[in-house]
C-alpha atoms as a PDB file:
ATOM      1  CA  MET A   1    -102.656  -1.105  80.184  1.00  0.00           C
ATOM      2  CA  ASN A   2    -102.045  -4.824  80.268  1.00  0.00           C
ATOM      3  CA  ASN A   3     -98.418  -5.990  80.052  1.00  0.00           C
ATOM      4  CA  PRO A   4     -97.595  -7.928  76.918  1.00  0.00           C
ATOM      5  CA  SER A   5     -97.175 -11.653  77.360  1.00  0.00           C
ATOM      6  CA  SER A   6     -93.709 -12.712  78.329  1.00  0.00           C
ATOM      7  CA  THR A   7     -91.642 -14.501  75.701  1.00  0.00           C
ATOM      8  CA  ILE A   8     -91.154 -18.105  76.648  1.00  0.00           C
ATOM      9  CA  THR A   9     -87.939 -19.842  75.867  1.00  0.00           C
ATOM     10  CA  GLU A  10     -88.290 -23.619  76.030  1.00  0.00           C
ATOM     11  CA  VAL A  11     -85.347 -25.379  77.595  1.00  0.00           C
ATOM     12  CA  THR A  12     -85.021 -28.980  76.528  1.00  0.00           C
ATOM     13  CA  GLU A  13     -82.843 -31.473  78.345  1.00  0.00           C
ATOM     14  CA  PRO A  14     -80.403 -33.430  76.164  1.00  0.00           C
ATOM     15  CA  LEU A  15     -81.823 -36.601  74.766  1.00  0.00           C
ATOM     16  CA  ALA A  16     -79.855 -39.634  75.981  1.00  0.00           C
ATOM     17  CA  VAL A  17     -79.001 -41.754  72.935  1.00  0.00           C
ATOM     18  CA  GLU A  18     -77.194 -45.058  73.287  1.00  0.00           C
ATOM     19  CA  VAL A  19     -75.263 -46.330  70.253  1.00  0.00           C
ATOM     20  CA  VAL A  20     -74.708 -50.066  70.392  1.00  0.00           C
ATOM     21  CA  SER A  21     -71.632 -50.703  68.236  1.00  0.00           C
ATOM     22  CA  ASP A  22     -68.410 -52.585  67.708  1.00  0.00           C
ATOM     23  CA  LEU A  23     -64.968 -51.109  67.041  1.00  0.00           C
ATOM     24  CA  ILE A  24     -64.383 -53.168  63.882  1.00  0.00           C
ATOM     25  CA  CYS A  25     -67.725 -52.232  62.286  1.00  0.00           C
ATOM     26  CA  PRO A  26     -67.056 -49.622  59.606  1.00  0.00           C
ATOM     27  CA  TRP A  27     -70.771 -48.723  59.411  1.00  0.00           C
ATOM     28  CA  CYS A  28     -70.609 -47.830  63.110  1.00  0.00           C
ATOM     29  CA  TYR A  29     -67.945 -45.231  62.279  1.00  0.00           C
ATOM     30  CA  ILE A  30     -70.055 -43.971  59.394  1.00  0.00           C
ATOM     31  CA  GLY A  31     -73.095 -44.004  61.664  1.00  0.00           C
ATOM     32  CA  LYS A  32     -71.189 -41.880  64.183  1.00  0.00           C
ATOM     33  CA  ARG A  33     -70.613 -39.217  61.575  1.00  0.00           C
ATOM     34  CA  ARG A  34     -74.215 -39.317  60.420  1.00  0.00           C
ATOM     35  CA  LEU A  35     -75.439 -39.042  64.007  1.00  0.00           C
ATOM     36  CA  GLU A  36     -73.252 -35.980  64.450  1.00  0.00           C
ATOM     37  CA  ARG A  37     -74.754 -34.449  61.347  1.00  0.00           C
ATOM     38  CA  ALA A  38     -78.248 -35.355  62.540  1.00  0.00           C
ATOM     39  CA  ALA A  39     -77.476 -33.583  65.825  1.00  0.00           C
ATOM     40  CA  GLY A  40     -76.639 -30.445  63.835  1.00  0.00           C
ATOM     41  CA  LEU A  41     -80.050 -30.626  62.146  1.00  0.00           C
ATOM     42  CA  LEU A  42     -81.733 -30.784  65.549  1.00  0.00           C
ATOM     43  CA  GLU A  43     -80.123 -27.727  67.080  1.00  0.00           C
ATOM     44  CA  PRO A  44     -80.780 -26.150  69.566  1.00  0.00           C
ATOM     45  CA  LYS A  45     -81.894 -29.507  70.866  1.00  0.00           C
ATOM     46  CA  ARG A  46     -78.938 -31.549  72.096  1.00  0.00           C
ATOM     47  CA  LEU A  47     -77.993 -35.235  72.287  1.00  0.00           C
ATOM     48  CA  HIS A  48     -76.087 -37.000  75.087  1.00  0.00           C
ATOM     49  CA  VAL A  49     -74.504 -39.992  73.309  1.00  0.00           C
ATOM     50  CA  GLN A  50     -73.337 -43.107  75.091  1.00  0.00           C
ATOM     51  CA  TRP A  51     -71.446 -45.915  73.444  1.00  0.00           C
ATOM     52  CA  LYS A  52     -72.503 -49.434  74.304  1.00  0.00           C
ATOM     53  CA  PRO A  53     -70.743 -52.745  73.492  1.00  0.00           C
ATOM     54  CA  PHE A  54     -71.621 -55.395  70.966  1.00  0.00           C
ATOM     55  CA  GLN A  55     -68.946 -57.908  69.925  1.00  0.00           C
ATOM     56  CA  LEU A  56     -69.546 -59.004  66.356  1.00  0.00           C
ATOM     57  CA  ASN A  57     -66.918 -61.745  66.868  1.00  0.00           C
ATOM     58  CA  PRO A  58     -67.082 -62.817  70.531  1.00  0.00           C
ATOM     59  CA  ASP A  59     -65.097 -65.978  69.717  1.00  0.00           C
ATOM     60  CA  MET A  60     -62.255 -64.136  68.080  1.00  0.00           C
ATOM     61  CA  PRO A  61     -58.859 -65.206  69.547  1.00  0.00           C
ATOM     62  CA  ALA A  62     -57.540 -62.721  72.141  1.00  0.00           C
ATOM     63  CA  GLU A  63     -54.656 -61.853  69.834  1.00  0.00           C
ATOM     64  CA  GLY A  64     -56.962 -61.308  66.841  1.00  0.00           C
ATOM     65  CA  MET A  65     -56.450 -62.795  63.357  1.00  0.00           C
ATOM     66  CA  ASP A  66     -54.811 -61.935  60.094  1.00  0.00           C
ATOM     67  CA  ARG A  67     -57.488 -59.841  58.370  1.00  0.00           C
ATOM     68  CA  ARG A  68     -57.221 -61.382  54.951  1.00  0.00           C
ATOM     69  CA  GLU A  69     -57.573 -64.867  56.421  1.00  0.00           C
ATOM     70  CA  TYR A  70     -60.509 -63.827  58.553  1.00  0.00           C
ATOM     71  CA  ARG A  71     -62.398 -61.992  55.815  1.00  0.00           C
ATOM     72  CA  THR A  72     -61.845 -64.759  53.255  1.00  0.00           C
ATOM     73  CA  ARG A  73     -63.335 -67.275  55.687  1.00  0.00           C
ATOM     74  CA  LYS A  74     -66.266 -64.994  56.479  1.00  0.00           C
ATOM     75  CA  PHE A  75     -67.189 -63.916  52.946  1.00  0.00           C
ATOM     76  CA  GLY A  76     -65.973 -66.833  50.884  1.00  0.00           C
ATOM     77  CA  SER A  77     -63.265 -65.039  48.969  1.00  0.00           C
ATOM     78  CA  TRP A  78     -60.827 -62.155  49.303  1.00  0.00           C
ATOM     79  CA  ALA A  79     -62.267 -60.571  46.143  1.00  0.00           C
ATOM     80  CA  HIS A  80     -65.733 -60.367  47.724  1.00  0.00           C
ATOM     81  CA  SER A  81     -64.224 -58.820  50.871  1.00  0.00           C
ATOM     82  CA  GLN A  82     -62.460 -56.207  48.782  1.00  0.00           C
ATOM     83  CA  ALA A  83     -65.668 -55.387  46.968  1.00  0.00           C
ATOM     84  CA  LEU A  84     -67.400 -54.784  50.324  1.00  0.00           C
ATOM     85  CA  ASP A  85     -64.498 -52.688  51.465  1.00  0.00           C
ATOM     86  CA  ALA A  86     -64.803 -50.519  48.378  1.00  0.00           C
ATOM     87  CA  GLU A  87     -68.473 -49.822  49.230  1.00  0.00           C
ATOM     88  CA  VAL A  88     -67.388 -48.717  52.687  1.00  0.00           C
ATOM     89  CA  VAL A  89     -64.662 -46.460  51.303  1.00  0.00           C
ATOM     90  CA  ALA A  90     -67.164 -44.747  49.010  1.00  0.00           C
ATOM     91  CA  ALA A  91     -69.652 -44.216  51.863  1.00  0.00           C
ATOM     92  CA  GLY A  92     -66.889 -42.972  54.143  1.00  0.00           C
ATOM     93  CA  LYS A  93     -65.872 -40.292  51.662  1.00  0.00           C
ATOM     94  CA  GLU A  94     -69.385 -38.860  51.851  1.00  0.00           C
ATOM     95  CA  VAL A  95     -68.956 -38.205  55.592  1.00  0.00           C
ATOM     96  CA  GLY A  96     -65.295 -37.291  55.622  1.00  0.00           C
ATOM     97  CA  ILE A  97     -63.735 -40.623  56.692  1.00  0.00           C
ATOM     98  CA  ALA A  98     -60.664 -41.805  54.763  1.00  0.00           C
ATOM     99  CA  PHE A  99     -60.925 -45.574  55.302  1.00  0.00           C
ATOM    100  CA  ASP A 100     -57.532 -47.166  54.520  1.00  0.00           C
ATOM    101  CA  TYR A 101     -57.842 -50.914  54.202  1.00  0.00           C
ATOM    102  CA  VAL A 102     -54.290 -51.333  52.951  1.00  0.00           C
ATOM    103  CA  LYS A 103     -53.040 -50.463  56.446  1.00  0.00           C
ATOM    104  CA  MET A 104     -55.448 -52.835  58.184  1.00  0.00           C
ATOM    105  CA  THR A 105     -53.657 -56.167  58.448  1.00  0.00           C
ATOM    106  CA  ARG A 106     -55.301 -57.680  61.495  1.00  0.00           C
ATOM    107  CA  THR A 107     -58.882 -58.112  62.714  1.00  0.00           C
ATOM    108  CA  PRO A 108     -58.722 -57.597  66.499  1.00  0.00           C
ATOM    109  CA  ASN A 109     -60.651 -58.994  69.446  1.00  0.00           C
ATOM    110  CA  THR A 110     -62.655 -55.949  70.615  1.00  0.00           C
ATOM    111  CA  LEU A 111     -63.386 -56.940  74.207  1.00  0.00           C
ATOM    112  CA  SER A 112     -60.526 -54.849  75.626  1.00  0.00           C
ATOM    113  CA  GLY A 113     -61.546 -51.890  73.539  1.00  0.00           C
ATOM    114  CA  HIS A 114     -65.094 -52.097  74.962  1.00  0.00           C
ATOM    115  CA  LYS A 115     -63.712 -52.254  78.479  1.00  0.00           C
ATOM    116  CA  LEU A 116     -61.731 -49.093  77.766  1.00  0.00           C
ATOM    117  CA  LEU A 117     -64.893 -47.406  76.373  1.00  0.00           C
ATOM    118  CA  TRP A 118     -66.733 -48.365  79.553  1.00  0.00           C
ATOM    119  CA  LEU A 119     -63.990 -46.690  81.607  1.00  0.00           C
ATOM    120  CA  ALA A 120     -64.144 -43.596  79.429  1.00  0.00           C
ATOM    121  CA  GLY A 121     -67.875 -43.486  80.039  1.00  0.00           C
ATOM    122  CA  GLU A 122     -67.289 -43.511  83.762  1.00  0.00           C
ATOM    123  CA  GLN A 123     -64.847 -40.625  83.361  1.00  0.00           C
ATOM    124  CA  HIS A 124     -66.814 -38.525  80.893  1.00  0.00           C
ATOM    125  CA  CYS A 125     -64.567 -38.797  77.875  1.00  0.00           C
ATOM    126  CA  GLN A 126     -66.277 -41.584  75.992  1.00  0.00           C
ATOM    127  CA  GLY A 127     -67.086 -39.646  72.776  1.00  0.00           C
ATOM    128  CA  ALA A 128     -63.465 -38.602  72.338  1.00  0.00           C
ATOM    129  CA  LEU A 129     -62.252 -42.150  72.927  1.00  0.00           C
ATOM    130  CA  ALA A 130     -64.769 -43.663  70.505  1.00  0.00           C
ATOM    131  CA  GLU A 131     -63.614 -41.280  67.746  1.00  0.00           C
ATOM    132  CA  LYS A 132     -59.913 -42.108  68.391  1.00  0.00           C
ATOM    133  CA  LEU A 133     -60.485 -45.848  68.459  1.00  0.00           C
ATOM    134  CA  PHE A 134     -62.443 -45.825  65.227  1.00  0.00           C
ATOM    135  CA  SER A 135     -59.834 -43.597  63.529  1.00  0.00           C
ATOM    136  CA  ALA A 136     -56.907 -45.628  64.902  1.00  0.00           C
ATOM    137  CA  TYR A 137     -58.288 -48.793  63.324  1.00  0.00           C
ATOM    138  CA  PHE A 138     -59.922 -47.673  60.118  1.00  0.00           C
ATOM    139  CA  VAL A 139     -57.652 -44.784  59.102  1.00  0.00           C
ATOM    140  CA  GLU A 140     -54.327 -45.592  60.745  1.00  0.00           C
ATOM    141  CA  GLY A 141     -54.534 -49.351  60.597  1.00  0.00           C
ATOM    142  CA  ARG A 142     -53.522 -49.824  64.269  1.00  0.00           C
ATOM    143  CA  ASP A 143     -54.394 -52.912  66.292  1.00  0.00           C
ATOM    144  CA  VAL A 144     -57.063 -51.757  68.718  1.00  0.00           C
ATOM    145  CA  GLY A 145     -56.981 -55.139  70.460  1.00  0.00           C
ATOM    146  CA  ASP A 146     -53.387 -54.521  71.580  1.00  0.00           C
ATOM    147  CA  VAL A 147     -53.091 -53.357  75.225  1.00  0.00           C
ATOM    148  CA  ARG A 148     -50.244 -51.015  74.422  1.00  0.00           C
ATOM    149  CA  VAL A 149     -52.182 -49.352  71.590  1.00  0.00           C
ATOM    150  CA  LEU A 150     -55.296 -49.083  73.840  1.00  0.00           C
ATOM    151  CA  THR A 151     -53.207 -47.586  76.651  1.00  0.00           C
ATOM    152  CA  GLU A 152     -51.670 -44.983  74.373  1.00  0.00           C
ATOM    153  CA  ILE A 153     -55.082 -43.960  72.980  1.00  0.00           C
ATOM    154  CA  GLY A 154     -56.604 -43.884  76.445  1.00  0.00           C
ATOM    155  CA  VAL A 155     -53.940 -41.610  77.791  1.00  0.00           C
ATOM    156  CA  GLU A 156     -54.457 -39.258  74.813  1.00  0.00           C
ATOM    157  CA  VAL A 157     -58.043 -38.614  75.938  1.00  0.00           C
ATOM    158  CA  GLY A 158     -57.041 -38.045  79.545  1.00  0.00           C
ATOM    159  CA  LEU A 159     -57.422 -41.498  81.192  1.00  0.00           C
ATOM    160  CA  MET A 160     -54.816 -42.443  83.729  1.00  0.00           C
ATOM    161  CA  PRO A 161     -52.507 -45.450  82.920  1.00  0.00           C
ATOM    162  CA  GLN A 162     -53.292 -47.172  86.206  1.00  0.00           C
ATOM    163  CA  ASP A 163     -57.075 -46.868  85.626  1.00  0.00           C
ATOM    164  CA  ILE A 164     -56.584 -48.222  82.120  1.00  0.00           C
ATOM    165  CA  ALA A 165     -54.548 -51.227  83.378  1.00  0.00           C
ATOM    166  CA  GLU A 166     -57.160 -51.994  85.991  1.00  0.00           C
ATOM    167  CA  ALA A 167     -60.036 -51.765  83.482  1.00  0.00           C
ATOM    168  CA  LEU A 168     -58.326 -53.998  80.951  1.00  0.00           C
ATOM    169  CA  SER A 169     -57.203 -56.658  83.425  1.00  0.00           C
ATOM    170  CA  GLY A 170     -59.760 -56.474  86.216  1.00  0.00           C
ATOM    171  CA  GLU A 171     -63.263 -57.869  86.601  1.00  0.00           C
ATOM    172  CA  VAL A 172     -65.269 -54.689  87.049  1.00  0.00           C
ATOM    173  CA  ALA A 173     -65.095 -53.520  83.436  1.00  0.00           C
ATOM    174  CA  ALA A 174     -65.441 -57.026  82.078  1.00  0.00           C
ATOM    175  CA  ALA A 175     -68.643 -57.521  84.115  1.00  0.00           C
ATOM    176  CA  ALA A 176     -70.072 -54.192  82.998  1.00  0.00           C
ATOM    177  CA  VAL A 177     -69.397 -54.984  79.319  1.00  0.00           C
ATOM    178  CA  ALA A 178     -70.978 -58.432  79.743  1.00  0.00           C
ATOM    179  CA  ARG A 179     -74.118 -56.867  81.315  1.00  0.00           C
ATOM    180  CA  GLU A 180     -74.466 -54.309  78.515  1.00  0.00           C
ATOM    181  CA  GLU A 181     -74.093 -56.930  75.801  1.00  0.00           C
ATOM    182  CA  GLU A 182     -76.700 -59.117  77.453  1.00  0.00           C
ATOM    183  CA  ARG A 183     -78.981 -56.119  77.724  1.00  0.00           C
ATOM    184  CA  ALA A 184     -78.575 -55.407  74.011  1.00  0.00           C
ATOM    185  CA  ARG A 185     -79.322 -58.946  72.999  1.00  0.00           C
ATOM    186  CA  HIS A 186     -82.354 -59.054  75.344  1.00  0.00           C
ATOM    187  CA  ALA A 187     -83.570 -55.937  73.531  1.00  0.00           C
ATOM    188  CA  GLY A 188     -83.424 -57.931  70.283  1.00  0.00           C
ATOM    189  CA  ILE A 189     -80.346 -56.331  68.839  1.00  0.00           C
ATOM    190  CA  ARG A 190     -78.566 -58.553  66.337  1.00  0.00           C
ATOM    191  CA  GLY A 191     -76.610 -56.016  64.311  1.00  0.00           C
ATOM    192  CA  VAL A 192     -74.830 -52.709  64.647  1.00  0.00           C
ATOM    193  CA  PRO A 193     -74.939 -49.809  64.793  1.00  0.00           C
ATOM    194  CA  THR A 194     -78.243 -49.664  66.642  1.00  0.00           C
ATOM    195  CA  PHE A 195     -79.546 -46.426  68.178  1.00  0.00           C
ATOM    196  CA  MET A 196     -81.524 -46.638  71.408  1.00  0.00           C
ATOM    197  CA  VAL A 197     -83.537 -44.206  73.545  1.00  0.00           C
ATOM    198  CA  GLN A 198     -84.832 -45.276  76.989  1.00  0.00           C
ATOM    199  CA  GLY A 199     -83.757 -48.823  76.356  1.00  0.00           C
ATOM    200  CA  LYS A 200     -85.688 -49.190  73.126  1.00  0.00           C
ATOM    201  CA  PRO A 201     -84.091 -49.492  69.706  1.00  0.00           C
ATOM    202  CA  LEU A 202     -84.916 -46.612  67.413  1.00  0.00           C
ATOM    203  CA  GLY A 203     -83.360 -48.205  64.317  1.00  0.00           C
ATOM    204  CA  SER A 204     -80.259 -49.925  63.085  1.00  0.00           C
ATOM    205  CA  GLY A 205     -77.725 -49.300  60.317  1.00  0.00           C
ATOM    206  CA  ALA A 206     -75.861 -46.166  59.381  1.00  0.00           C
ATOM    207  CA  GLN A 207     -79.035 -44.299  58.348  1.00  0.00           C
ATOM    208  CA  PRO A 208     -78.806 -40.984  56.478  1.00  0.00           C
ATOM    209  CA  GLU A 209     -78.694 -38.018  58.792  1.00  0.00           C
ATOM    210  CA  HIS A 210     -82.101 -36.582  57.748  1.00  0.00           C
ATOM    211  CA  LEU A 211     -83.788 -39.945  58.639  1.00  0.00           C
ATOM    212  CA  LEU A 212     -81.903 -40.110  61.910  1.00  0.00           C
ATOM    213  CA  ALA A 213     -82.903 -36.515  62.706  1.00  0.00           C
ATOM    214  CA  ALA A 214     -86.552 -37.330  62.073  1.00  0.00           C
ATOM    215  CA  VAL A 215     -86.479 -40.339  64.349  1.00  0.00           C
ATOM    216  CA  LEU A 216     -84.695 -38.426  67.051  1.00  0.00           C
ATOM    217  CA  GLU A 217     -87.091 -35.499  66.752  1.00  0.00           C
ATOM    218  CA  LYS A 218     -89.968 -37.929  67.403  1.00  0.00           C
ATOM    219  CA  ALA A 219     -88.070 -39.317  70.397  1.00  0.00           C
ATOM    220  CA  PHE A 220     -87.678 -35.830  71.780  1.00  0.00           C
ATOM    221  CA  ALA A 221     -91.430 -35.356  71.540  1.00  0.00           C
ATOM    222  CA  GLU A 222     -92.188 -38.660  73.154  1.00  0.00           C
ATOM    223  CA  THR A 223     -89.822 -38.137  76.075  1.00  0.00           C
ATOM    224  CA  ALA A 224     -90.580 -34.437  76.651  1.00  0.00           C
ATOM    225  CA  GLY A 225     -91.396 -33.377  80.140  1.00  0.00           C
ATOM    226  CA  PRO A 226     -93.442 -30.418  81.362  1.00  0.00           C
ATOM    227  CA  THR A 227     -92.743 -26.926  80.118  1.00  0.00           C
ATOM    228  CA  CYS A 228     -93.589 -23.817  82.105  1.00  0.00           C
ATOM    229  CA  SER A 229     -95.088 -20.418  81.041  1.00  0.00           C
ATOM    230  CA  ASP A 230     -96.807 -17.532  82.735  1.00  0.00           C
ATOM    231  CA  GLU A 231     -99.960 -19.668  82.816  1.00  0.00           C
ATOM    232  CA  GLY A 232     -98.247 -22.441  84.734  1.00  0.00           C
ATOM    233  CA  CYS A 233     -96.827 -25.814  83.710  1.00  0.00           C
ATOM    234  CA  ARG A 234     -98.290 -28.016  81.011  1.00  0.00           C
ATOM    235  CA  ILE A 235     -97.376 -31.244  79.279  1.00  0.00           C
ATOM    236  CA  LYS A 236     -96.094 -30.813  75.739  1.00  0.00           C
ATOM    237  CA  PRO A 237     -98.466 -32.238  73.118  1.00  0.00           C
END
């Protein structure tokens, strides 16, 4: 009697997803939550998320600016800025983020924060750091451009103070951030968040999780390698 065919369990490698973002972009934080929800819709497939830098305000003074002054200049009036903030607050509630714009008094320069995220990527704690940086700014109103604040948050996720100091003041992290920003602009990225797979943008904006899941499912299919069965290896259709 012939043996029944063996049951084949397909093992899929995590899909590497790069999220190009800035720490002062509220839609990047919302996009993070929606990406997490999309990942849940894709199970058992898994994502390996990397955070890449994009400074929305590269000419921001190193010490940052008073937020009301900055936003009034950018949007023409404080009232318009507050209306935009209200839209963000409403969207944040849908994904469990309690944006608190009353606490946010300064708009920081984000270069140092991106340097710290690069270091966290090197030491495999980038996701935890991204969450804490977003929460620190948008929920707690902390100045994530301040070295002391960044050091405290970095230590909380397991980074060593001496490594943090070197990343924030040295040339290695600065050069890495500059390369990544140039790469993003070369890829045609002009806004954030932008999701990328294999160096190609999949889409931008904080898209609903079901749309993100569909795009990522397609990316899984396009990047799939060979799978093996009792009949040998084949390429997935």
